[in-house]
PDB file of N, CA and C in Angstrom:
ATOM      1  N   UNK A   1       6.985   1.713  34.187  1.00  0.00           N
ATOM      2  CA  UNK A   1       6.928   2.741  33.138  1.00  0.00           C
ATOM      3  C   UNK A   1       8.173   2.496  32.342  1.00  0.00           C
ATOM      4  N   UNK A   2       7.935   2.411  30.900  1.00  0.00           N
ATOM      5  CA  UNK A   2       9.090   2.078  30.048  1.00  0.00           C
ATOM      6  C   UNK A   2       9.945   3.329  30.030  1.00  0.00           C
ATOM      7  N   UNK A   3      11.232   3.098  29.761  1.00  0.00           N
ATOM      8  CA  UNK A   3      12.266   4.220  29.708  1.00  0.00           C
ATOM      9  C   UNK A   3      11.961   4.986  28.443  1.00  0.00           C
ATOM     10  N   UNK A   4      12.164   6.322  28.597  1.00  0.00           N
ATOM     11  CA  UNK A   4      11.993   7.336  27.513  1.00  0.00           C
ATOM     12  C   UNK A   4      13.094   7.048  26.564  1.00  0.00           C
ATOM     13  N   UNK A   5      12.740   6.922  25.215  1.00  0.00           N
ATOM     14  CA  UNK A   5      13.824   6.764  24.188  1.00  0.00           C
ATOM     15  C   UNK A   5      14.644   7.950  24.142  1.00  0.00           C
ATOM     16  N   UNK A   6      15.900   7.611  23.866  1.00  0.00           N
ATOM     17  CA  UNK A   6      16.941   8.808  23.684  1.00  0.00           C
ATOM     18  C   UNK A   6      16.635   9.533  22.472  1.00  0.00           C
ATOM     19  N   UNK A   7      16.847  10.819  22.431  1.00  0.00           N
ATOM     20  CA  UNK A   7      16.817  11.683  21.197  1.00  0.00           C
ATOM     21  C   UNK A   7      17.827  11.259  20.240  1.00  0.00           C
ATOM     22  N   UNK A   8      17.556  11.421  19.017  1.00  0.00           N
ATOM     23  CA  UNK A   8      18.591  10.897  17.942  1.00  0.00           C
ATOM     24  C   UNK A   8      19.853  11.745  18.086  1.00  0.00           C
ATOM     25  N   UNK A   9      20.949  11.110  17.759  1.00  0.00           N
ATOM     26  CA  UNK A   9      22.181  11.835  17.647  1.00  0.00           C
ATOM     27  C   UNK A   9      22.258  12.589  16.244  1.00  0.00           C
ATOM     28  N   UNK A  10      22.368  13.872  16.196  1.00  0.00           N
ATOM     29  CA  UNK A  10      22.478  14.617  14.963  1.00  0.00           C
ATOM     30  C   UNK A  10      23.852  15.213  15.030  1.00  0.00           C
ATOM     31  N   UNK A  11      24.727  14.756  14.208  1.00  0.00           N
ATOM     32  CA  UNK A  11      26.140  15.274  14.291  1.00  0.00           C
ATOM     33  C   UNK A  11      26.108  16.649  13.526  1.00  0.00           C
ATOM     34  N   UNK A  12      26.514  17.635  14.305  1.00  0.00           N
ATOM     35  CA  UNK A  12      26.428  18.960  13.893  1.00  0.00           C
ATOM     36  C   UNK A  12      27.808  19.652  13.993  1.00  0.00           C
ATOM     37  N   UNK A  13      28.358  20.068  12.773  1.00  0.00           N
ATOM     38  CA  UNK A  13      29.435  20.883  12.892  1.00  0.00           C
ATOM     39  C   UNK A  13      29.343  22.106  13.746  1.00  0.00           C
ATOM     40  N   UNK A  14      30.365  22.421  14.464  1.00  0.00           N
ATOM     41  CA  UNK A  14      30.393  23.573  15.392  1.00  0.00           C
ATOM     42  C   UNK A  14      29.864  24.867  14.696  1.00  0.00           C
ATOM     43  N   UNK A  15      30.242  25.160  13.555  1.00  0.00           N
ATOM     44  CA  UNK A  15      29.757  26.364  12.880  1.00  0.00           C
ATOM     45  C   UNK A  15      28.254  26.364  12.549  1.00  0.00           C
ATOM     46  N   UNK A  16      27.564  25.278  12.745  1.00  0.00           N
ATOM     47  CA  UNK A  16      26.114  25.241  12.462  1.00  0.00           C
ATOM     48  C   UNK A  16      25.274  25.125  13.705  1.00  0.00           C
ATOM     49  N   UNK A  17      25.900  25.194  14.888  1.00  0.00           N
ATOM     50  CA  UNK A  17      25.228  25.090  16.279  1.00  0.00           C
ATOM     51  C   UNK A  17      24.074  26.148  16.275  1.00  0.00           C
ATOM     52  N   UNK A  18      24.372  27.400  16.017  1.00  0.00           N
ATOM     53  CA  UNK A  18      23.430  28.453  16.102  1.00  0.00           C
ATOM     54  C   UNK A  18      22.217  28.208  15.172  1.00  0.00           C
ATOM     55  N   UNK A  19      22.504  27.883  13.953  1.00  0.00           N
ATOM     56  CA  UNK A  19      21.312  27.594  12.984  1.00  0.00           C
ATOM     57  C   UNK A  19      20.573  26.464  13.335  1.00  0.00           C
ATOM     58  N   UNK A  20      21.306  25.437  13.808  1.00  0.00           N
ATOM     59  CA  UNK A  20      20.539  24.110  14.238  1.00  0.00           C
ATOM     60  C   UNK A  20      19.605  24.365  15.375  1.00  0.00           C
ATOM     61  N   UNK A  21      20.244  25.167  16.340  1.00  0.00           N
ATOM     62  CA  UNK A  21      19.270  25.550  17.513  1.00  0.00           C
ATOM     63  C   UNK A  21      18.052  26.408  17.054  1.00  0.00           C
ATOM     64  N   UNK A  22      18.301  27.310  16.103  1.00  0.00           N
ATOM     65  CA  UNK A  22      17.159  28.078  15.599  1.00  0.00           C
ATOM     66  C   UNK A  22      16.145  27.243  14.905  1.00  0.00           C
ATOM     67  N   UNK A  23      16.559  26.288  14.118  1.00  0.00           N
ATOM     68  CA  UNK A  23      15.704  25.291  13.369  1.00  0.00           C
ATOM     69  C   UNK A  23      14.773  24.622  14.467  1.00  0.00           C
ATOM     70  N   UNK A  24      15.532  24.138  15.433  1.00  0.00           N
ATOM     71  CA  UNK A  24      14.744  23.176  16.394  1.00  0.00           C
ATOM     72  C   UNK A  24      13.793  24.098  17.205  1.00  0.00           C
ATOM     73  N   UNK A  25      14.352  25.254  17.614  1.00  0.00           N
ATOM     74  CA  UNK A  25      13.503  26.179  18.481  1.00  0.00           C
ATOM     75  C   UNK A  25      12.233  26.691  17.639  1.00  0.00           C
ATOM     76  N   UNK A  26      12.517  26.864  16.367  1.00  0.00           N
ATOM     77  CA  UNK A  26      11.370  27.440  15.580  1.00  0.00           C
ATOM     78  C   UNK A  26      10.442  26.297  15.232  1.00  0.00           C
ATOM     79  N   UNK A  27      10.826  25.086  14.820  1.00  0.00           N
ATOM     80  CA  UNK A  27       9.965  24.069  14.468  1.00  0.00           C
ATOM     81  C   UNK A  27       9.401  23.341  15.728  1.00  0.00           C
ATOM     82  N   UNK A  28      10.122  23.349  16.853  1.00  0.00           N
ATOM     83  CA  UNK A  28       9.686  22.750  18.040  1.00  0.00           C
ATOM     84  C   UNK A  28       9.069  21.281  17.918  1.00  0.00           C
ATOM     85  N   UNK A  29       9.891  20.388  17.321  1.00  0.00           N
ATOM     86  CA  UNK A  29       9.412  19.102  17.033  1.00  0.00           C
ATOM     87  C   UNK A  29       9.368  18.238  18.340  1.00  0.00           C
ATOM     88  N   UNK A  30       8.339  17.416  18.460  1.00  0.00           N
ATOM     89  CA  UNK A  30       8.310  16.429  19.605  1.00  0.00           C
ATOM     90  C   UNK A  30       9.357  15.385  19.243  1.00  0.00           C
ATOM     91  N   UNK A  31       9.592  14.567  20.300  1.00  0.00           N
ATOM     92  CA  UNK A  31      10.578  13.543  20.177  1.00  0.00           C
ATOM     93  C   UNK A  31      10.455  12.631  18.902  1.00  0.00           C
ATOM     94  N   UNK A  32       9.190  12.158  18.687  1.00  0.00           N
ATOM     95  CA  UNK A  32       9.024  11.322  17.665  1.00  0.00           C
ATOM     96  C   UNK A  32       9.213  11.886  16.294  1.00  0.00           C
ATOM     97  N   UNK A  33       8.903  13.182  16.141  1.00  0.00           N
ATOM     98  CA  UNK A  33       9.092  13.941  14.781  1.00  0.00           C
ATOM     99  C   UNK A  33      10.567  14.112  14.641  1.00  0.00           C
ATOM    100  N   UNK A  34      11.314  14.409  15.775  1.00  0.00           N
ATOM    101  CA  UNK A  34      12.795  14.506  15.593  1.00  0.00           C
ATOM    102  C   UNK A  34      13.361  13.355  15.168  1.00  0.00           C
ATOM    103  N   UNK A  35      13.031  12.207  15.784  1.00  0.00           N
ATOM    104  CA  UNK A  35      13.595  10.952  15.466  1.00  0.00           C
ATOM    105  C   UNK A  35      13.298  10.633  14.047  1.00  0.00           C
ATOM    106  N   UNK A  36      12.071  10.779  13.550  1.00  0.00           N
ATOM    107  CA  UNK A  36      11.596  10.479  12.288  1.00  0.00           C
ATOM    108  C   UNK A  36      12.391  11.360  11.160  1.00  0.00           C
ATOM    109  N   UNK A  37      12.574  12.703  11.516  1.00  0.00           N
ATOM    110  CA  UNK A  37      13.354  13.464  10.727  1.00  0.00           C
ATOM    111  C   UNK A  37      14.727  13.105  10.596  1.00  0.00           C
ATOM    112  N   UNK A  38      15.350  12.693  11.684  1.00  0.00           N
ATOM    113  CA  UNK A  38      16.728  12.157  11.575  1.00  0.00           C
ATOM    114  C   UNK A  38      16.853  10.952  10.883  1.00  0.00           C
ATOM    115  N   UNK A  39      15.874  10.024  10.892  1.00  0.00           N
ATOM    116  CA  UNK A  39      15.923   8.786  10.076  1.00  0.00           C
ATOM    117  C   UNK A  39      15.657   9.133   8.682  1.00  0.00           C
ATOM    118  N   UNK A  40      14.767  10.123   8.384  1.00  0.00           N
ATOM    119  CA  UNK A  40      14.646  10.541   6.957  1.00  0.00           C
ATOM    120  C   UNK A  40      15.893  11.165   6.435  1.00  0.00           C
ATOM    121  N   UNK A  41      16.645  11.920   7.231  1.00  0.00           N
ATOM    122  CA  UNK A  41      17.906  12.483   6.711  1.00  0.00           C
ATOM    123  C   UNK A  41      18.953  11.439   6.403  1.00  0.00           C
ATOM    124  N   UNK A  42      18.988  10.466   7.316  1.00  0.00           N
ATOM    125  CA  UNK A  42      19.908   9.337   7.051  1.00  0.00           C
ATOM    126  C   UNK A  42      19.616   8.603   5.797  1.00  0.00           C
ATOM    127  N   UNK A  43      18.358   8.313   5.608  1.00  0.00           N
ATOM    128  CA  UNK A  43      17.937   7.540   4.496  1.00  0.00           C
ATOM    129  C   UNK A  43      18.174   8.399   3.116  1.00  0.00           C
ATOM    130  N   UNK A  44      17.840   9.667   3.217  1.00  0.00           N
ATOM    131  CA  UNK A  44      17.936  10.503   1.986  1.00  0.00           C
ATOM    132  C   UNK A  44      19.436  10.684   1.732  1.00  0.00           C
ATOM    133  N   UNK A  45      20.276  10.920   2.714  1.00  0.00           N
ATOM    134  CA  UNK A  45      21.623  11.077   2.486  1.00  0.00           C
ATOM    135  C   UNK A  45      22.305   9.838   1.893  1.00  0.00           C
ATOM    136  N   UNK A  46      21.877   8.721   2.294  1.00  0.00           N
ATOM    137  CA  UNK A  46      22.432   7.428   1.726  1.00  0.00           C
ATOM    138  C   UNK A  46      22.029   7.323   0.288  1.00  0.00           C
ATOM    139  N   UNK A  47      20.817   7.519  -0.015  1.00  0.00           N
ATOM    140  CA  UNK A  47      20.234   7.397  -1.348  1.00  0.00           C
ATOM    141  C   UNK A  47      20.946   8.566  -2.273  1.00  0.00           C
ATOM    142  N   UNK A  48      21.150   9.730  -1.686  1.00  0.00           N
ATOM    143  CA  UNK A  48      21.826  10.787  -2.579  1.00  0.00           C
ATOM    144  C   UNK A  48      23.210  10.428  -2.798  1.00  0.00           C
ATOM    145  N   UNK A  49      23.871   9.847  -1.779  1.00  0.00           N
ATOM    146  CA  UNK A  49      25.291   9.274  -2.017  1.00  0.00           C
ATOM    147  C   UNK A  49      25.348   8.315  -3.225  1.00  0.00           C
ATOM    148  N   UNK A  50      24.304   7.442  -3.164  1.00  0.00           N
ATOM    149  CA  UNK A  50      24.339   6.424  -4.292  1.00  0.00           C
ATOM    150  C   UNK A  50      24.146   7.066  -5.660  1.00  0.00           C
ATOM    151  N   UNK A  51      23.504   8.200  -5.553  1.00  0.00           N
ATOM    152  CA  UNK A  51      23.171   8.981  -6.862  1.00  0.00           C
ATOM    153  C   UNK A  51      24.138  10.182  -7.137  1.00  0.00           C
ATOM    154  N   UNK A  52      25.208  10.106  -6.297  1.00  0.00           N
ATOM    155  CA  UNK A  52      26.250  11.372  -6.298  1.00  0.00           C
ATOM    156  C   UNK A  52      26.753  11.608  -7.744  1.00  0.00           C
ATOM    157  N   UNK A  53      27.106  12.959  -7.866  1.00  0.00           N
ATOM    158  CA  UNK A  53      27.713  13.261  -9.321  1.00  0.00           C
ATOM    159  C   UNK A  53      29.042  12.474  -9.426  1.00  0.00           C
ATOM    160  N   UNK A  54      29.455  12.313 -10.648  1.00  0.00           N
ATOM    161  CA  UNK A  54      30.678  11.602 -11.094  1.00  0.00           C
ATOM    162  C   UNK A  54      31.801  12.187 -10.352  1.00  0.00           C
ATOM    163  N   UNK A  55      31.899  13.436 -10.163  1.00  0.00           N
ATOM    164  CA  UNK A  55      33.016  14.220  -9.606  1.00  0.00           C
ATOM    165  C   UNK A  55      33.110  13.797  -8.291  1.00  0.00           C
ATOM    166  N   UNK A  56      32.247  13.236  -7.550  1.00  0.00           N
ATOM    167  CA  UNK A  56      32.326  12.812  -6.198  1.00  0.00           C
ATOM    168  C   UNK A  56      32.293  11.239  -5.995  1.00  0.00           C
ATOM    169  N   UNK A  57      32.517  10.545  -7.138  1.00  0.00           N
ATOM    170  CA  UNK A  57      32.462   9.100  -7.063  1.00  0.00           C
ATOM    171  C   UNK A  57      33.427   8.465  -6.047  1.00  0.00           C
ATOM    172  N   UNK A  58      34.564   9.146  -5.815  1.00  0.00           N
ATOM    173  CA  UNK A  58      35.504   8.638  -4.922  1.00  0.00           C
ATOM    174  C   UNK A  58      35.256   8.732  -3.515  1.00  0.00           C
ATOM    175  N   UNK A  59      34.167   9.547  -3.181  1.00  0.00           N
ATOM    176  CA  UNK A  59      33.723   9.771  -1.669  1.00  0.00           C
ATOM    177  C   UNK A  59      33.075   8.535  -1.225  1.00  0.00           C
ATOM    178  N   UNK A  60      33.569   7.958  -0.056  1.00  0.00           N
ATOM    179  CA  UNK A  60      32.839   6.941   0.624  1.00  0.00           C
ATOM    180  C   UNK A  60      31.539   7.541   1.279  1.00  0.00           C
ATOM    181  N   UNK A  61      30.722   6.736   1.600  1.00  0.00           N
ATOM    182  CA  UNK A  61      29.378   7.112   2.098  1.00  0.00           C
ATOM    183  C   UNK A  61      29.483   8.007   3.289  1.00  0.00           C
ATOM    184  N   UNK A  62      30.433   7.687   4.227  1.00  0.00           N
ATOM    185  CA  UNK A  62      30.466   8.610   5.477  1.00  0.00           C
ATOM    186  C   UNK A  62      31.239   9.901   5.107  1.00  0.00           C
ATOM    187  N   UNK A  63      31.956   9.898   4.013  1.00  0.00           N
ATOM    188  CA  UNK A  63      32.632  11.134   3.748  1.00  0.00           C
ATOM    189  C   UNK A  63      31.608  12.085   2.994  1.00  0.00           C
ATOM    190  N   UNK A  64      30.700  11.574   2.260  1.00  0.00           N
ATOM    191  CA  UNK A  64      29.561  12.250   1.601  1.00  0.00           C
ATOM    192  C   UNK A  64      28.710  12.943   2.679  1.00  0.00           C
ATOM    193  N   UNK A  65      28.431  12.070   3.688  1.00  0.00           N
ATOM    194  CA  UNK A  65      27.621  12.591   4.748  1.00  0.00           C
ATOM    195  C   UNK A  65      28.302  13.759   5.481  1.00  0.00           C
ATOM    196  N   UNK A  66      29.623  13.580   5.732  1.00  0.00           N
ATOM    197  CA  UNK A  66      30.307  14.599   6.497  1.00  0.00           C
ATOM    198  C   UNK A  66      30.324  15.921   5.604  1.00  0.00           C
ATOM    199  N   UNK A  67      30.446  15.786   4.365  1.00  0.00           N
ATOM    200  CA  UNK A  67      30.386  16.959   3.508  1.00  0.00           C
ATOM    201  C   UNK A  67      29.131  17.597   3.538  1.00  0.00           C
ATOM    202  N   UNK A  68      28.047  16.854   3.551  1.00  0.00           N
ATOM    203  CA  UNK A  68      26.666  17.328   3.579  1.00  0.00           C
ATOM    204  C   UNK A  68      26.449  18.033   4.902  1.00  0.00           C
ATOM    205  N   UNK A  69      26.770  17.393   6.006  1.00  0.00           N
ATOM    206  CA  UNK A  69      26.670  17.884   7.366  1.00  0.00           C
ATOM    207  C   UNK A  69      27.390  19.256   7.490  1.00  0.00           C
ATOM    208  N   UNK A  70      28.674  19.219   6.898  1.00  0.00           N
ATOM    209  CA  UNK A  70      29.508  20.470   6.995  1.00  0.00           C
ATOM    210  C   UNK A  70      28.877  21.643   6.231  1.00  0.00           C
ATOM    211  N   UNK A  71      28.298  21.307   5.196  1.00  0.00           N
ATOM    212  CA  UNK A  71      27.759  22.441   4.256  1.00  0.00           C
ATOM    213  C   UNK A  71      26.350  22.837   4.517  1.00  0.00           C
ATOM    214  N   UNK A  72      25.450  21.887   4.777  1.00  0.00           N
ATOM    215  CA  UNK A  72      24.001  22.231   4.755  1.00  0.00           C
ATOM    216  C   UNK A  72      23.195  21.535   5.915  1.00  0.00           C
ATOM    217  N   UNK A  73      23.854  21.246   7.025  1.00  0.00           N
ATOM    218  CA  UNK A  73      23.117  20.565   8.021  1.00  0.00           C
ATOM    219  C   UNK A  73      21.685  21.154   8.500  1.00  0.00           C
ATOM    220  N   UNK A  74      21.877  22.547   8.748  1.00  0.00           N
ATOM    221  CA  UNK A  74      20.545  23.199   9.153  1.00  0.00           C
ATOM    222  C   UNK A  74      19.436  23.201   8.037  1.00  0.00           C
ATOM    223  N   UNK A  75      19.871  23.364   6.887  1.00  0.00           N
ATOM    224  CA  UNK A  75      18.828  23.358   5.868  1.00  0.00           C
ATOM    225  C   UNK A  75      18.144  22.071   5.623  1.00  0.00           C
ATOM    226  N   UNK A  76      19.021  20.928   5.724  1.00  0.00           N
ATOM    227  CA  UNK A  76      18.468  19.598   5.607  1.00  0.00           C
ATOM    228  C   UNK A  76      17.542  19.271   6.718  1.00  0.00           C
ATOM    229  N   UNK A  77      17.966  19.630   7.944  1.00  0.00           N
ATOM    230  CA  UNK A  77      17.163  19.318   9.125  1.00  0.00           C
ATOM    231  C   UNK A  77      15.803  20.096   9.025  1.00  0.00           C
ATOM    232  N   UNK A  78      15.926  21.337   8.564  1.00  0.00           N
ATOM    233  CA  UNK A  78      14.736  22.120   8.553  1.00  0.00           C
ATOM    234  C   UNK A  78      13.656  21.602   7.638  1.00  0.00           C
ATOM    235  N   UNK A  79      14.172  21.064   6.419  1.00  0.00           N
ATOM    236  CA  UNK A  79      13.273  20.561   5.395  1.00  0.00           C
ATOM    237  C   UNK A  79      12.611  19.206   5.946  1.00  0.00           C
ATOM    238  N   UNK A  80      13.594  18.402   6.568  1.00  0.00           N
ATOM    239  CA  UNK A  80      13.116  17.139   7.131  1.00  0.00           C
ATOM    240  C   UNK A  80      12.101  17.350   8.223  1.00  0.00           C
ATOM    241  N   UNK A  81      12.314  18.408   9.054  1.00  0.00           N
ATOM    242  CA  UNK A  81      11.238  18.705  10.157  1.00  0.00           C
ATOM    243  C   UNK A  81       9.956  19.166   9.455  1.00  0.00           C
ATOM    244  N   UNK A  82      10.154  20.013   8.439  1.00  0.00           N
ATOM    245  CA  UNK A  82       8.929  20.602   7.745  1.00  0.00           C
ATOM    246  C   UNK A  82       8.083  19.379   7.077  1.00  0.00           C
ATOM    247  N   UNK A  83       8.783  18.415   6.668  1.00  0.00           N
ATOM    248  CA  UNK A  83       8.125  17.257   5.990  1.00  0.00           C
ATOM    249  C   UNK A  83       7.624  16.273   7.028  1.00  0.00           C
ATOM    250  N   UNK A  84       7.941  16.546   8.341  1.00  0.00           N
ATOM    251  CA  UNK A  84       7.374  15.690   9.466  1.00  0.00           C
ATOM    252  C   UNK A  84       8.051  14.367   9.519  1.00  0.00           C
ATOM    253  N   UNK A  85       9.249  14.242   8.941  1.00  0.00           N
ATOM    254  CA  UNK A  85      10.081  12.926   8.968  1.00  0.00           C
ATOM    255  C   UNK A  85       9.364  11.941   8.144  1.00  0.00           C
ATOM    256  N   UNK A  86       8.403  12.327   7.249  1.00  0.00           N
ATOM    257  CA  UNK A  86       7.637  11.373   6.545  1.00  0.00           C
ATOM    258  C   UNK A  86       8.399  10.627   5.479  1.00  0.00           C
ATOM    259  N   UNK A  87       8.747   9.366   5.639  1.00  0.00           N
ATOM    260  CA  UNK A  87       9.521   8.587   4.684  1.00  0.00           C
ATOM    261  C   UNK A  87       8.992   8.584   3.212  1.00  0.00           C
ATOM    262  N   UNK A  88       7.692   8.897   3.123  1.00  0.00           N
ATOM    263  CA  UNK A  88       7.222   9.014   1.684  1.00  0.00           C
ATOM    264  C   UNK A  88       7.811  10.233   0.960  1.00  0.00           C
ATOM    265  N   UNK A  89       8.256  11.135   1.711  1.00  0.00           N
ATOM    266  CA  UNK A  89       8.848  12.279   1.178  1.00  0.00           C
ATOM    267  C   UNK A  89      10.447  12.266   0.959  1.00  0.00           C
ATOM    268  N   UNK A  90      10.929  11.039   0.946  1.00  0.00           N
ATOM    269  CA  UNK A  90      12.365  10.898   0.766  1.00  0.00           C
ATOM    270  C   UNK A  90      12.808  11.572  -0.379  1.00  0.00           C
ATOM    271  N   UNK A  91      12.122  11.457  -1.607  1.00  0.00           N
ATOM    272  CA  UNK A  91      12.621  12.073  -2.898  1.00  0.00           C
ATOM    273  C   UNK A  91      12.774  13.504  -2.720  1.00  0.00           C
ATOM    274  N   UNK A  92      11.757  14.219  -2.068  1.00  0.00           N
ATOM    275  CA  UNK A  92      11.901  15.658  -1.903  1.00  0.00           C
ATOM    276  C   UNK A  92      13.243  16.071  -1.192  1.00  0.00           C
ATOM    277  N   UNK A  93      13.514  15.313  -0.096  1.00  0.00           N
ATOM    278  CA  UNK A  93      14.725  15.490   0.711  1.00  0.00           C
ATOM    279  C   UNK A  93      15.920  15.228  -0.199  1.00  0.00           C
ATOM    280  N   UNK A  94      15.940  14.137  -0.840  1.00  0.00           N
ATOM    281  CA  UNK A  94      17.108  13.723  -1.752  1.00  0.00           C
ATOM    282  C   UNK A  94      17.259  14.777  -2.799  1.00  0.00           C
ATOM    283  N   UNK A  95      16.262  15.395  -3.317  1.00  0.00           N
ATOM    284  CA  UNK A  95      16.460  16.324  -4.316  1.00  0.00           C
ATOM    285  C   UNK A  95      17.075  17.606  -3.789  1.00  0.00           C
ATOM    286  N   UNK A  96      16.696  17.857  -2.551  1.00  0.00           N
ATOM    287  CA  UNK A  96      17.208  19.095  -1.875  1.00  0.00           C
ATOM    288  C   UNK A  96      18.666  18.882  -1.575  1.00  0.00           C
ATOM    289  N   UNK A  97      19.013  17.708  -1.149  1.00  0.00           N
ATOM    290  CA  UNK A  97      20.363  17.415  -0.878  1.00  0.00           C
ATOM    291  C   UNK A  97      21.277  17.447  -2.084  1.00  0.00           C
ATOM    292  N   UNK A  98      20.815  16.970  -3.152  1.00  0.00           N
ATOM    293  CA  UNK A  98      21.460  17.079  -4.481  1.00  0.00           C
ATOM    294  C   UNK A  98      21.687  18.464  -4.879  1.00  0.00           C
ATOM    295  N   UNK A  99      20.683  19.414  -4.647  1.00  0.00           N
ATOM    296  CA  UNK A  99      20.866  20.787  -4.976  1.00  0.00           C
ATOM    297  C   UNK A  99      21.914  21.418  -4.044  1.00  0.00           C
ATOM    298  N   UNK A 100      21.963  21.072  -2.799  1.00  0.00           N
ATOM    299  CA  UNK A 100      22.894  21.557  -1.887  1.00  0.00           C
ATOM    300  C   UNK A 100      24.276  21.194  -2.284  1.00  0.00           C
ATOM    301  N   UNK A 101      24.571  19.923  -2.700  1.00  0.00           N
ATOM    302  CA  UNK A 101      25.851  19.464  -3.106  1.00  0.00           C
ATOM    303  C   UNK A 101      26.161  20.155  -4.507  1.00  0.00           C
ATOM    304  N   UNK A 102      25.222  20.268  -5.417  1.00  0.00           N
ATOM    305  CA  UNK A 102      25.473  20.828  -6.679  1.00  0.00           C
ATOM    306  C   UNK A 102      25.925  22.318  -6.539  1.00  0.00           C
ATOM    307  N   UNK A 103      25.258  22.972  -5.511  1.00  0.00           N
ATOM    308  CA  UNK A 103      25.733  24.441  -5.243  1.00  0.00           C
ATOM    309  C   UNK A 103      27.101  24.470  -4.701  1.00  0.00           C
ATOM    310  N   UNK A 104      27.325  23.535  -3.832  1.00  0.00           N
ATOM    311  CA  UNK A 104      28.772  23.450  -3.250  1.00  0.00           C
ATOM    312  C   UNK A 104      29.827  23.193  -4.312  1.00  0.00           C
ATOM    313  N   UNK A 105      29.494  22.422  -5.330  1.00  0.00           N
ATOM    314  CA  UNK A 105      30.417  22.060  -6.358  1.00  0.00           C
ATOM    315  C   UNK A 105      30.590  23.161  -7.405  1.00  0.00           C
ATOM    316  N   UNK A 106      29.617  24.154  -7.418  1.00  0.00           N
ATOM    317  CA  UNK A 106      29.626  25.336  -8.298  1.00  0.00           C
ATOM    318  C   UNK A 106      30.841  26.271  -7.679  1.00  0.00           C
ATOM    319  N   UNK A 107      30.953  26.375  -6.435  1.00  0.00           N
ATOM    320  CA  UNK A 107      31.829  27.215  -5.713  1.00  0.00           C
ATOM    321  C   UNK A 107      33.187  26.542  -5.370  1.00  0.00           C
ATOM    322  N   UNK A 108      33.155  25.253  -5.171  1.00  0.00           N
ATOM    323  CA  UNK A 108      34.294  24.488  -4.873  1.00  0.00           C
ATOM    324  C   UNK A 108      34.308  23.236  -5.698  1.00  0.00           C
ATOM    325  N   UNK A 109      34.830  23.284  -6.863  1.00  0.00           N
ATOM    326  CA  UNK A 109      34.820  22.035  -7.855  1.00  0.00           C
ATOM    327  C   UNK A 109      35.637  21.056  -7.219  1.00  0.00           C
ATOM    328  N   UNK A 110      35.190  19.799  -7.397  1.00  0.00           N
ATOM    329  CA  UNK A 110      36.049  18.610  -6.979  1.00  0.00           C
ATOM    330  C   UNK A 110      37.340  18.633  -7.743  1.00  0.00           C
ATOM    331  N   UNK A 111      38.399  18.215  -7.115  1.00  0.00           N
ATOM    332  CA  UNK A 111      39.725  18.132  -7.739  1.00  0.00           C
ATOM    333  C   UNK A 111      39.641  17.138  -8.958  1.00  0.00           C
ATOM    334  N   UNK A 112      40.314  17.417  -9.980  1.00  0.00           N
ATOM    335  CA  UNK A 112      40.482  16.477 -11.054  1.00  0.00           C
ATOM    336  C   UNK A 112      41.635  15.678 -11.045  1.00  0.00           C
ATOM    337  N   UNK A 113      41.543  14.422 -11.392  1.00  0.00           N
ATOM    338  CA  UNK A 113      42.769  13.556 -11.272  1.00  0.00           C
ATOM    339  C   UNK A 113      43.860  13.981 -12.217  1.00  0.00           C
ATOM    340  N   UNK A 114      45.023  13.802 -11.852  1.00  0.00           N
ATOM    341  CA  UNK A 114      46.151  14.193 -12.654  1.00  0.00           C
ATOM    342  C   UNK A 114      46.473  13.044 -13.592  1.00  0.00           C
ATOM    343  N   UNK A 115      46.755  13.345 -14.861  1.00  0.00           N
ATOM    344  CA  UNK A 115      47.214  12.285 -15.729  1.00  0.00           C
ATOM    345  C   UNK A 115      48.700  11.946 -15.572  1.00  0.00           C
TER     346      UNK A 115
END
């Protein structure tokens, strides 16, 4: 019997544990859907980083992902699960990520370089 694949690692900031649990408990994804959603999130986050606003151009890809996870991990996971992890829906998730980051920048503008 083949070994059961490990569930994906979803880095979750501590302040999102409750919301992430609620998303998973509500959506009740099977292992394949959870893996597909995690892969979709990774792909959409990478593509969103490539299209990030000019004010965040200094952020490395992993920094952008940390910012996204810190601010909107449950919302992004919920949408990825709703989409069933379907890679054809990457643009939908990218747009959502872009809106989450834009909302963050409304409340916490990126620092401006000093002249």
